[in-house]
Amino acid sequence: MQSLYLLIPIALVFCVIAIKLLLWAISSGQYDDLDKEAWRILADDDPAKPEPSTRDRSTPAPNDD
């Protein structure tokens, strides 16, 4: 019975903290757009940029003569 005097206030403190965190998440916009992340994985990425060549095209290629 004595342990309940300690456990009940601890449980109430945890409940208050959980409710405050939930209200903070709602007010900060965490639940505004739930579908964005689900559709983001299906969207195509930006088109790939062409990789730069290994040789600069402004300089002529060396002759092997």
PDB file of N, CA and C in Angstrom:
ATOM      1  N   MET A   1       0.812  -1.189   0.000  1.00  0.00           N
ATOM      2  CA  MET A   1       0.000   0.000   0.000  1.00  0.00           C
ATOM      3  C   MET A   1       0.865   1.266   0.000  1.00  0.00           C
ATOM      4  N   GLN A   2       1.997   1.170   0.663  1.00  0.00           N
ATOM      5  CA  GLN A   2       2.864   2.342   0.752  1.00  0.00           C
ATOM      6  C   GLN A   2       3.476   2.688  -0.605  1.00  0.00           C
ATOM      7  N   SER A   3       3.673   1.682  -1.434  1.00  0.00           N
ATOM      8  CA  SER A   3       4.259   1.967  -2.747  1.00  0.00           C
ATOM      9  C   SER A   3       3.293   2.755  -3.637  1.00  0.00           C
ATOM     10  N   LEU A   4       1.986   2.621  -3.379  1.00  0.00           N
ATOM     11  CA  LEU A   4       1.015   3.380  -4.171  1.00  0.00           C
ATOM     12  C   LEU A   4       1.126   4.874  -3.908  1.00  0.00           C
ATOM     13  N   TYR A   5       1.540   5.252  -2.724  1.00  0.00           N
ATOM     14  CA  TYR A   5       1.720   6.666  -2.414  1.00  0.00           C
ATOM     15  C   TYR A   5       2.837   7.285  -3.253  1.00  0.00           C
ATOM     16  N   LEU A   6       3.741   6.473  -3.717  1.00  0.00           N
ATOM     17  CA  LEU A   6       4.812   6.951  -4.581  1.00  0.00           C
ATOM     18  C   LEU A   6       4.449   6.781  -6.060  1.00  0.00           C
ATOM     19  N   LEU A   7       3.840   5.658  -6.413  1.00  0.00           N
ATOM     20  CA  LEU A   7       3.593   5.349  -7.816  1.00  0.00           C
ATOM     21  C   LEU A   7       2.473   6.188  -8.436  1.00  0.00           C
ATOM     22  N   ILE A   8       1.446   6.502  -7.683  1.00  0.00           N
ATOM     23  CA  ILE A   8       0.336   7.285  -8.234  1.00  0.00           C
ATOM     24  C   ILE A   8       0.775   8.706  -8.598  1.00  0.00           C
ATOM     25  N   PRO A   9       1.498   9.427  -7.762  1.00  0.00           N
ATOM     26  CA  PRO A   9       1.973  10.756  -8.193  1.00  0.00           C
ATOM     27  C   PRO A   9       2.935  10.698  -9.378  1.00  0.00           C
ATOM     28  N   ILE A  10       3.779   9.671  -9.419  1.00  0.00           N
ATOM     29  CA  ILE A  10       4.696   9.531 -10.556  1.00  0.00           C
ATOM     30  C   ILE A  10       3.902   9.298 -11.840  1.00  0.00           C
ATOM     31  N   ALA A  11       2.878   8.446 -11.792  1.00  0.00           N
ATOM     32  CA  ALA A  11       2.053   8.197 -12.969  1.00  0.00           C
ATOM     33  C   ALA A  11       1.317   9.458 -13.404  1.00  0.00           C
ATOM     34  N   LEU A  12       0.835  10.239 -12.446  1.00  0.00           N
ATOM     35  CA  LEU A  12       0.156  11.484 -12.788  1.00  0.00           C
ATOM     36  C   LEU A  12       1.107  12.492 -13.439  1.00  0.00           C
ATOM     37  N   VAL A  13       2.331  12.547 -12.958  1.00  0.00           N
ATOM     38  CA  VAL A  13       3.321  13.442 -13.560  1.00  0.00           C
ATOM     39  C   VAL A  13       3.615  13.012 -14.989  1.00  0.00           C
ATOM     40  N   PHE A  14       3.762  11.714 -15.232  1.00  0.00           N
ATOM     41  CA  PHE A  14       3.992  11.225 -16.592  1.00  0.00           C
ATOM     42  C   PHE A  14       2.810  11.544 -17.501  1.00  0.00           C
ATOM     43  N   CYS A  15       1.603  11.424 -16.999  1.00  0.00           N
ATOM     44  CA  CYS A  15       0.414  11.741 -17.808  1.00  0.00           C
ATOM     45  C   CYS A  15       0.373  13.224 -18.152  1.00  0.00           C
ATOM     46  N   VAL A  16       0.692  14.070 -17.209  1.00  0.00           N
ATOM     47  CA  VAL A  16       0.702  15.513 -17.471  1.00  0.00           C
ATOM     48  C   VAL A  16       1.771  15.860 -18.504  1.00  0.00           C
ATOM     49  N   ILE A  17       2.947  15.255 -18.388  1.00  0.00           N
ATOM     50  CA  ILE A  17       4.016  15.504 -19.357  1.00  0.00           C
ATOM     51  C   ILE A  17       3.595  15.033 -20.746  1.00  0.00           C
ATOM     52  N   ALA A  18       2.974  13.859 -20.840  1.00  0.00           N
ATOM     53  CA  ALA A  18       2.536  13.343 -22.137  1.00  0.00           C
ATOM     54  C   ALA A  18       1.473  14.234 -22.764  1.00  0.00           C
ATOM     55  N   ILE A  19       0.555  14.735 -21.983  1.00  0.00           N
ATOM     56  CA  ILE A  19      -0.490  15.620 -22.505  1.00  0.00           C
ATOM     57  C   ILE A  19       0.118  16.944 -22.970  1.00  0.00           C
ATOM     58  N   LYS A  20       1.072  17.475 -22.204  1.00  0.00           N
ATOM     59  CA  LYS A  20       1.731  18.719 -22.615  1.00  0.00           C
ATOM     60  C   LYS A  20       2.512  18.524 -23.913  1.00  0.00           C
ATOM     61  N   LEU A  21       3.189  17.394 -24.062  1.00  0.00           N
ATOM     62  CA  LEU A  21       3.918  17.129 -25.307  1.00  0.00           C
ATOM     63  C   LEU A  21       2.969  16.977 -26.492  1.00  0.00           C
ATOM     64  N   LEU A  22       1.837  16.336 -26.275  1.00  0.00           N
ATOM     65  CA  LEU A  22       0.849  16.194 -27.347  1.00  0.00           C
ATOM     66  C   LEU A  22       0.294  17.549 -27.754  1.00  0.00           C
ATOM     67  N   LEU A  23      -0.049  18.388 -26.791  1.00  0.00           N
ATOM     68  CA  LEU A  23      -0.569  19.715 -27.108  1.00  0.00           C
ATOM     69  C   LEU A  23       0.486  20.580 -27.790  1.00  0.00           C
ATOM     70  N   TRP A  24       1.745  20.437 -27.379  1.00  0.00           N
ATOM     71  CA  TRP A  24       2.822  21.175 -28.046  1.00  0.00           C
ATOM     72  C   TRP A  24       2.963  20.727 -29.496  1.00  0.00           C
ATOM     73  N   ALA A  25       2.904  19.415 -29.754  1.00  0.00           N
ATOM     74  CA  ALA A  25       3.039  18.907 -31.114  1.00  0.00           C
ATOM     75  C   ALA A  25       1.896  19.383 -31.997  1.00  0.00           C
ATOM     76  N   ILE A  26       0.702  19.420 -31.451  1.00  0.00           N
ATOM     77  CA  ILE A  26      -0.446  19.883 -32.227  1.00  0.00           C
ATOM     78  C   ILE A  26      -0.321  21.371 -32.524  1.00  0.00           C
ATOM     79  N   SER A  27       0.072  22.159 -31.545  1.00  0.00           N
ATOM     80  CA  SER A  27       0.153  23.612 -31.754  1.00  0.00           C
ATOM     81  C   SER A  27       1.336  24.008 -32.634  1.00  0.00           C
ATOM     82  N   SER A  28       2.379  23.198 -32.681  1.00  0.00           N
ATOM     83  CA  SER A  28       3.534  23.550 -33.512  1.00  0.00           C
ATOM     84  C   SER A  28       3.404  23.060 -34.943  1.00  0.00           C
ATOM     85  N   GLY A  29       2.294  22.403 -35.285  1.00  0.00           N
ATOM     86  CA  GLY A  29       2.051  22.027 -36.675  1.00  0.00           C
ATOM     87  C   GLY A  29       2.568  20.659 -37.065  1.00  0.00           C
ATOM     88  N   GLN A  30       2.860  19.810 -36.117  1.00  0.00           N
ATOM     89  CA  GLN A  30       3.377  18.488 -36.439  1.00  0.00           C
ATOM     90  C   GLN A  30       2.358  17.620 -37.162  1.00  0.00           C
ATOM     91  N   TYR A  31       1.088  17.886 -36.960  1.00  0.00           N
ATOM     92  CA  TYR A  31       0.040  17.060 -37.550  1.00  0.00           C
ATOM     93  C   TYR A  31      -0.704  17.785 -38.672  1.00  0.00           C
ATOM     94  N   ASP A  32      -0.143  18.847 -39.224  1.00  0.00           N
ATOM     95  CA  ASP A  32      -0.833  19.608 -40.258  1.00  0.00           C
ATOM     96  C   ASP A  32      -0.951  18.846 -41.567  1.00  0.00           C
ATOM     97  N   ASP A  33       0.129  18.250 -42.038  1.00  0.00           N
ATOM     98  CA  ASP A  33       0.124  17.587 -43.333  1.00  0.00           C
ATOM     99  C   ASP A  33       0.648  16.164 -43.173  1.00  0.00           C
ATOM    100  N   LEU A  34      -0.254  15.230 -42.958  1.00  0.00           N
ATOM    101  CA  LEU A  34       0.150  13.844 -42.719  1.00  0.00           C
ATOM    102  C   LEU A  34       0.442  13.085 -44.006  1.00  0.00           C
ATOM    103  N   ASP A  35      -0.060  13.568 -45.141  1.00  0.00           N
ATOM    104  CA  ASP A  35       0.119  12.839 -46.402  1.00  0.00           C
ATOM    105  C   ASP A  35       1.390  13.228 -47.151  1.00  0.00           C
ATOM    106  N   LYS A  36       2.010  14.322 -46.795  1.00  0.00           N
ATOM    107  CA  LYS A  36       3.185  14.795 -47.532  1.00  0.00           C
ATOM    108  C   LYS A  36       4.311  13.767 -47.534  1.00  0.00           C
ATOM    109  N   GLU A  37       4.654  13.259 -46.387  1.00  0.00           N
ATOM    110  CA  GLU A  37       5.763  12.307 -46.311  1.00  0.00           C
ATOM    111  C   GLU A  37       5.419  10.980 -46.979  1.00  0.00           C
ATOM    112  N   ALA A  38       4.159  10.606 -46.961  1.00  0.00           N
ATOM    113  CA  ALA A  38       3.763   9.356 -47.609  1.00  0.00           C
ATOM    114  C   ALA A  38       3.886   9.469 -49.124  1.00  0.00           C
ATOM    115  N   TRP A  39       3.585  10.624 -49.678  1.00  0.00           N
ATOM    116  CA  TRP A  39       3.666  10.806 -51.131  1.00  0.00           C
ATOM    117  C   TRP A  39       5.066  11.186 -51.593  1.00  0.00           C
ATOM    118  N   ARG A  40       5.882  11.681 -50.679  1.00  0.00           N
ATOM    119  CA  ARG A  40       7.225  12.125 -51.064  1.00  0.00           C
ATOM    120  C   ARG A  40       8.072  10.970 -51.566  1.00  0.00           C
ATOM    121  N   ILE A  41       7.878   9.793 -50.998  1.00  0.00           N
ATOM    122  CA  ILE A  41       8.687   8.654 -51.426  1.00  0.00           C
ATOM    123  C   ILE A  41       8.308   8.180 -52.828  1.00  0.00           C
ATOM    124  N   LEU A  42       7.090   8.487 -53.258  1.00  0.00           N
ATOM    125  CA  LEU A  42       6.651   8.081 -54.590  1.00  0.00           C
ATOM    126  C   LEU A  42       7.019   9.082 -55.666  1.00  0.00           C
ATOM    127  N   ALA A  43       7.340  10.293 -55.294  1.00  0.00           N
ATOM    128  CA  ALA A  43       7.671  11.335 -56.261  1.00  0.00           C
ATOM    129  C   ALA A  43       9.052  11.073 -56.857  1.00  0.00           C
ATOM    130  N   ASP A  44       9.201  11.456 -58.118  1.00  0.00           N
ATOM    131  CA  ASP A  44      10.497  11.322 -58.777  1.00  0.00           C
ATOM    132  C   ASP A  44      11.471  12.332 -58.213  1.00  0.00           C
ATOM    133  N   ASP A  45      12.721  11.943 -58.176  1.00  0.00           N
ATOM    134  CA  ASP A  45      13.758  12.864 -57.739  1.00  0.00           C
ATOM    135  C   ASP A  45      14.004  13.884 -58.835  1.00  0.00           C
ATOM    136  N   ASP A  46      14.761  14.917 -58.504  1.00  0.00           N
ATOM    137  CA  ASP A  46      15.141  15.900 -59.514  1.00  0.00           C
ATOM    138  C   ASP A  46      15.959  15.194 -60.588  1.00  0.00           C
ATOM    139  N   PRO A  47      15.857  15.652 -61.841  1.00  0.00           N
ATOM    140  CA  PRO A  47      16.654  14.998 -62.886  1.00  0.00           C
ATOM    141  C   PRO A  47      18.139  15.089 -62.557  1.00  0.00           C
ATOM    142  N   ALA A  48      18.832  14.027 -62.864  1.00  0.00           N
ATOM    143  CA  ALA A  48      20.264  13.964 -62.538  1.00  0.00           C
ATOM    144  C   ALA A  48      21.041  14.959 -63.381  1.00  0.00           C
ATOM    145  N   LYS A  49      21.966  15.634 -62.756  1.00  0.00           N
ATOM    146  CA  LYS A  49      22.812  16.581 -63.473  1.00  0.00           C
ATOM    147  C   LYS A  49      23.907  15.793 -64.186  1.00  0.00           C
ATOM    148  N   PRO A  50      24.264  16.213 -65.401  1.00  0.00           N
ATOM    149  CA  PRO A  50      25.336  15.486 -66.090  1.00  0.00           C
ATOM    150  C   PRO A  50      26.655  15.646 -65.350  1.00  0.00           C
ATOM    151  N   GLU A  51      27.384  14.562 -65.276  1.00  0.00           N
ATOM    152  CA  GLU A  51      28.663  14.602 -64.581  1.00  0.00           C
ATOM    153  C   GLU A  51      29.701  15.300 -65.447  1.00  0.00           C
ATOM    154  N   PRO A  52      30.585  16.063 -64.845  1.00  0.00           N
ATOM    155  CA  PRO A  52      31.622  16.733 -65.642  1.00  0.00           C
ATOM    156  C   PRO A  52      32.588  15.697 -66.209  1.00  0.00           C
ATOM    157  N   SER A  53      33.052  15.975 -67.410  1.00  0.00           N
ATOM    158  CA  SER A  53      33.978  15.032 -68.047  1.00  0.00           C
ATOM    159  C   SER A  53      35.329  15.100 -67.357  1.00  0.00           C
ATOM    160  N   THR A  54      36.124  14.060 -67.574  1.00  0.00           N
ATOM    161  CA  THR A  54      37.440  14.009 -66.932  1.00  0.00           C
ATOM    162  C   THR A  54      38.449  14.888 -67.659  1.00  0.00           C
ATOM    163  N   ARG A  55      38.190  15.202 -68.924  1.00  0.00           N
ATOM    164  CA  ARG A  55      39.119  16.021 -69.702  1.00  0.00           C
ATOM    165  C   ARG A  55      38.436  17.333 -70.038  1.00  0.00           C
ATOM    166  N   ASP A  56      39.147  18.425 -69.891  1.00  0.00           N
ATOM    167  CA  ASP A  56      38.618  19.725 -70.231  1.00  0.00           C
ATOM    168  C   ASP A  56      38.513  19.828 -71.742  1.00  0.00           C
ATOM    169  N   ARG A  57      37.385  20.189 -72.259  1.00  0.00           N
ATOM    170  CA  ARG A  57      37.158  20.226 -73.714  1.00  0.00           C
ATOM    171  C   ARG A  57      37.803  21.441 -74.365  1.00  0.00           C
ATOM    172  N   SER A  58      38.205  22.436 -73.613  1.00  0.00           N
ATOM    173  CA  SER A  58      38.809  23.631 -74.210  1.00  0.00           C
ATOM    174  C   SER A  58      40.259  23.386 -74.635  1.00  0.00           C
ATOM    175  N   THR A  59      40.908  22.387 -74.057  1.00  0.00           N
ATOM    176  CA  THR A  59      42.281  22.102 -74.442  1.00  0.00           C
ATOM    177  C   THR A  59      42.288  20.928 -75.402  1.00  0.00           C
ATOM    178  N   PRO A  60      43.112  20.985 -76.427  1.00  0.00           N
ATOM    179  CA  PRO A  60      43.144  19.881 -77.403  1.00  0.00           C
ATOM    180  C   PRO A  60      43.766  18.620 -76.808  1.00  0.00           C
ATOM    181  N   ALA A  61      43.403  17.496 -77.374  1.00  0.00           N
ATOM    182  CA  ALA A  61      43.946  16.211 -76.919  1.00  0.00           C
ATOM    183  C   ALA A  61      45.397  16.105 -77.365  1.00  0.00           C
ATOM    184  N   PRO A  62      46.245  15.482 -76.577  1.00  0.00           N
ATOM    185  CA  PRO A  62      47.667  15.340 -76.973  1.00  0.00           C
ATOM    186  C   PRO A  62      47.797  14.380 -78.154  1.00  0.00           C
ATOM    187  N   ASN A  63      48.773  14.679 -79.034  1.00  0.00           N
ATOM    188  CA  ASN A  63      49.036  13.824 -80.202  1.00  0.00           C
ATOM    189  C   ASN A  63      50.013  12.727 -79.811  1.00  0.00           C
ATOM    190  N   ASP A  64      49.770  11.528 -80.324  1.00  0.00           N
ATOM    191  CA  ASP A  64      50.656  10.397 -80.031  1.00  0.00           C
ATOM    192  C   ASP A  64      51.657  10.165 -81.165  1.00  0.00           C
ATOM    193  N   ASP A  65      51.895  11.117 -82.078  1.00  0.00           N
ATOM    194  CA  ASP A  65      52.795  10.944 -83.224  1.00  0.00           C
ATOM    195  C   ASP A  65      54.210  10.896 -82.811  1.00  0.00           C
TER     196      ASP A  65
END
